[in-house]
Amino acid sequence: MKKTLAWVATAVFMGTILMWSPKAQCALEAGRSLYIDKCALCHGAGGDGKGPAGDALSPKPTDFTSSQYWQTPNNQRITAATLNGVGAMPAFDLDAQEMKGLIDYMRTFKK
């Protein structure tokens, strides 16, 4: 009986993973696409704050690979900066789903 329950639990778990993974992957890919389109020019393709346009900015673009940046990760702070703009960074009009994908992608830079 225990083996059957364990097998059923494993099957349900794996089914859930397989069912959600493509959706999560799509959201992450959408976030990546947004990042490349709207952020990489200044923040760099690798999130290090060294994009081609970033050199001309003061203050310099945020380095998303910095462990210091992620010491206090705050989705609201990232969302506010993105939607309202900060310094030379313009505001971007993104919906909640786009913001979530963008933040999820930005977290891939965390070391």
C-alpha atoms as a PDB file:
ATOM      1  CA  MET A   1       0.000   0.000   0.000  1.00  0.00           C
ATOM      2  CA  LYS A   2       2.816   2.422   0.906  1.00  0.00           C
ATOM      3  CA  LYS A   3       4.588   1.717  -2.399  1.00  0.00           C
ATOM      4  CA  THR A   4       1.372   2.404  -4.304  1.00  0.00           C
ATOM      5  CA  LEU A   5       0.798   5.692  -2.465  1.00  0.00           C
ATOM      6  CA  ALA A   6       4.411   6.704  -3.019  1.00  0.00           C
ATOM      7  CA  TRP A   7       4.120   5.891  -6.724  1.00  0.00           C
ATOM      8  CA  VAL A   8       0.856   7.853  -7.036  1.00  0.00           C
ATOM      9  CA  ALA A   9       2.350  10.823  -5.176  1.00  0.00           C
ATOM     10  CA  THR A  10       5.417  10.746  -7.435  1.00  0.00           C
ATOM     11  CA  ALA A  11       3.266  10.497 -10.558  1.00  0.00           C
ATOM     12  CA  VAL A  12       1.093  13.429  -9.461  1.00  0.00           C
ATOM     13  CA  PHE A  13       4.178  15.486  -8.579  1.00  0.00           C
ATOM     14  CA  MET A  14       5.858  14.757 -11.915  1.00  0.00           C
ATOM     15  CA  GLY A  15       2.632  15.456 -13.784  1.00  0.00           C
ATOM     16  CA  THR A  16       2.399  18.809 -12.039  1.00  0.00           C
ATOM     17  CA  ILE A  17       6.009  19.625 -12.897  1.00  0.00           C
ATOM     18  CA  LEU A  18       5.507  18.669 -16.536  1.00  0.00           C
ATOM     19  CA  MET A  19       2.240  20.580 -16.723  1.00  0.00           C
ATOM     20  CA  TRP A  20       3.661  23.813 -15.265  1.00  0.00           C
ATOM     21  CA  SER A  21       7.197  23.758 -16.629  1.00  0.00           C
ATOM     22  CA  PRO A  22       6.283  24.838 -20.171  1.00  0.00           C
ATOM     23  CA  LYS A  23       4.192  27.698 -18.791  1.00  0.00           C
ATOM     24  CA  ALA A  24       6.964  28.800 -16.451  1.00  0.00           C
ATOM     25  CA  GLN A  25       9.466  28.490 -19.298  1.00  0.00           C
ATOM     26  CA  CYS A  26       7.252  30.650 -21.538  1.00  0.00           C
ATOM     27  CA  ALA A  27       6.988  33.315 -18.820  1.00  0.00           C
ATOM     28  CA  LEU A  28      10.752  33.301 -18.332  1.00  0.00           C
ATOM     29  CA  GLU A  29      11.330  33.550 -22.083  1.00  0.00           C
ATOM     30  CA  ALA A  30       8.869  36.453 -22.264  1.00  0.00           C
ATOM     31  CA  GLY A  31      10.775  38.124 -19.413  1.00  0.00           C
ATOM     32  CA  ARG A  32      14.045  37.556 -21.247  1.00  0.00           C
ATOM     33  CA  SER A  33      12.620  39.083 -24.401  1.00  0.00           C
ATOM     34  CA  LEU A  34      11.398  42.148 -22.477  1.00  0.00           C
ATOM     35  CA  TYR A  35      14.770  42.511 -20.775  1.00  0.00           C
ATOM     36  CA  ILE A  36      16.682  42.337 -24.066  1.00  0.00           C
ATOM     37  CA  ASP A  37      14.249  44.793 -25.681  1.00  0.00           C
ATOM     38  CA  LYS A  38      13.978  47.357 -22.887  1.00  0.00           C
ATOM     39  CA  CYS A  39      16.844  46.911 -20.405  1.00  0.00           C
ATOM     40  CA  ALA A  40      19.943  45.380 -22.001  1.00  0.00           C
ATOM     41  CA  LEU A  41      21.018  48.547 -23.817  1.00  0.00           C
ATOM     42  CA  CYS A  42      21.885  50.139 -20.476  1.00  0.00           C
ATOM     43  CA  HIS A  43      22.044  47.272 -17.974  1.00  0.00           C
ATOM     44  CA  GLY A  44      23.895  44.899 -20.297  1.00  0.00           C
ATOM     45  CA  ALA A  45      22.808  41.608 -21.836  1.00  0.00           C
ATOM     46  CA  GLY A  46      24.275  39.799 -18.832  1.00  0.00           C
ATOM     47  CA  GLY A  47      22.724  42.190 -16.298  1.00  0.00           C
ATOM     48  CA  ASP A  48      26.092  43.551 -15.141  1.00  0.00           C
ATOM     49  CA  GLY A  49      25.175  47.244 -15.629  1.00  0.00           C
ATOM     50  CA  LYS A  50      27.637  47.583 -18.502  1.00  0.00           C
ATOM     51  CA  GLY A  51      25.405  47.936 -21.524  1.00  0.00           C
ATOM     52  CA  PRO A  52      26.631  50.014 -24.470  1.00  0.00           C
ATOM     53  CA  ALA A  53      24.507  53.034 -23.498  1.00  0.00           C
ATOM     54  CA  GLY A  54      25.266  52.713 -19.785  1.00  0.00           C
ATOM     55  CA  ASP A  55      28.691  54.350 -19.972  1.00  0.00           C
ATOM     56  CA  ALA A  56      27.143  57.707 -20.772  1.00  0.00           C
ATOM     57  CA  LEU A  57      24.763  57.622 -17.803  1.00  0.00           C
ATOM     58  CA  SER A  58      25.207  59.014 -14.338  1.00  0.00           C
ATOM     59  CA  PRO A  59      24.471  57.322 -12.076  1.00  0.00           C
ATOM     60  CA  LYS A  60      25.528  54.119 -13.793  1.00  0.00           C
ATOM     61  CA  PRO A  61      22.864  51.467 -14.456  1.00  0.00           C
ATOM     62  CA  THR A  62      22.255  48.949 -11.710  1.00  0.00           C
ATOM     63  CA  ASP A  63      24.347  45.777 -11.758  1.00  0.00           C
ATOM     64  CA  PHE A  64      21.865  42.919 -11.344  1.00  0.00           C
ATOM     65  CA  THR A  65      24.716  40.414 -10.931  1.00  0.00           C
ATOM     66  CA  SER A  66      25.807  42.095  -7.707  1.00  0.00           C
ATOM     67  CA  SER A  67      25.065  40.090  -4.582  1.00  0.00           C
ATOM     68  CA  GLN A  68      24.620  43.432  -2.801  1.00  0.00           C
ATOM     69  CA  TYR A  69      21.682  44.309  -5.067  1.00  0.00           C
ATOM     70  CA  TRP A  70      19.897  41.071  -4.168  1.00  0.00           C
ATOM     71  CA  GLN A  71      20.522  41.323  -0.419  1.00  0.00           C
ATOM     72  CA  THR A  72      17.162  43.028  -0.144  1.00  0.00           C
ATOM     73  CA  PRO A  73      15.234  41.699  -3.129  1.00  0.00           C
ATOM     74  CA  ASN A  74      11.988  43.518  -3.389  1.00  0.00           C
ATOM     75  CA  ASN A  75       9.595  43.004  -6.275  1.00  0.00           C
ATOM     76  CA  GLN A  76       7.827  46.260  -5.400  1.00  0.00           C
ATOM     77  CA  ARG A  77      11.083  48.224  -5.644  1.00  0.00           C
ATOM     78  CA  ILE A  78      11.896  46.698  -9.039  1.00  0.00           C
ATOM     79  CA  THR A  79       8.340  47.242 -10.246  1.00  0.00           C
ATOM     80  CA  ALA A  80       8.289  50.883  -9.110  1.00  0.00           C
ATOM     81  CA  ALA A  81      11.626  51.610 -10.792  1.00  0.00           C
ATOM     82  CA  THR A  82      10.477  49.962 -14.011  1.00  0.00           C
ATOM     83  CA  LEU A  83       7.017  51.529 -14.176  1.00  0.00           C
ATOM     84  CA  ASN A  84       8.019  55.004 -12.936  1.00  0.00           C
ATOM     85  CA  GLY A  85      11.585  55.311 -14.164  1.00  0.00           C
ATOM     86  CA  VAL A  86      14.612  56.304 -12.077  1.00  0.00           C
ATOM     87  CA  GLY A  87      17.083  59.050 -12.964  1.00  0.00           C
ATOM     88  CA  ALA A  88      17.851  58.733 -16.674  1.00  0.00           C
ATOM     89  CA  MET A  89      15.915  55.469 -16.908  1.00  0.00           C
ATOM     90  CA  PRO A  90      12.550  56.002 -18.582  1.00  0.00           C
ATOM     91  CA  ALA A  91       9.295  54.518 -17.341  1.00  0.00           C
ATOM     92  CA  PHE A  92       8.033  51.405 -19.100  1.00  0.00           C
ATOM     93  CA  ASP A  93       4.361  50.528 -19.465  1.00  0.00           C
ATOM     94  CA  LEU A  94       4.208  46.846 -18.520  1.00  0.00           C
ATOM     95  CA  ASP A  95       1.318  44.827 -17.155  1.00  0.00           C
ATOM     96  CA  ALA A  96       1.558  42.601 -14.063  1.00  0.00           C
ATOM     97  CA  GLN A  97       2.325  39.447 -16.056  1.00  0.00           C
ATOM     98  CA  GLU A  98       5.089  41.190 -18.005  1.00  0.00           C
ATOM     99  CA  MET A  99       6.586  42.555 -14.757  1.00  0.00           C
ATOM    100  CA  LYS A 100       6.574  39.102 -13.184  1.00  0.00           C
ATOM    101  CA  GLY A 101       8.346  37.595 -16.195  1.00  0.00           C
ATOM    102  CA  LEU A 102      10.867  40.435 -16.254  1.00  0.00           C
ATOM    103  CA  ILE A 103      11.644  40.101 -12.541  1.00  0.00           C
ATOM    104  CA  ASP A 104      11.894  36.320 -12.834  1.00  0.00           C
ATOM    105  CA  TYR A 105      14.391  36.760 -15.661  1.00  0.00           C
ATOM    106  CA  MET A 106      16.333  39.422 -13.746  1.00  0.00           C
ATOM    107  CA  ARG A 107      16.701  36.946 -10.886  1.00  0.00           C
ATOM    108  CA  THR A 108      18.649  34.645 -13.224  1.00  0.00           C
ATOM    109  CA  PHE A 109      21.511  37.175 -12.943  1.00  0.00           C
ATOM    110  CA  LYS A 110      21.696  36.698  -9.171  1.00  0.00           C
ATOM    111  CA  LYS A 111      24.939  35.058  -8.108  1.00  0.00           C
END
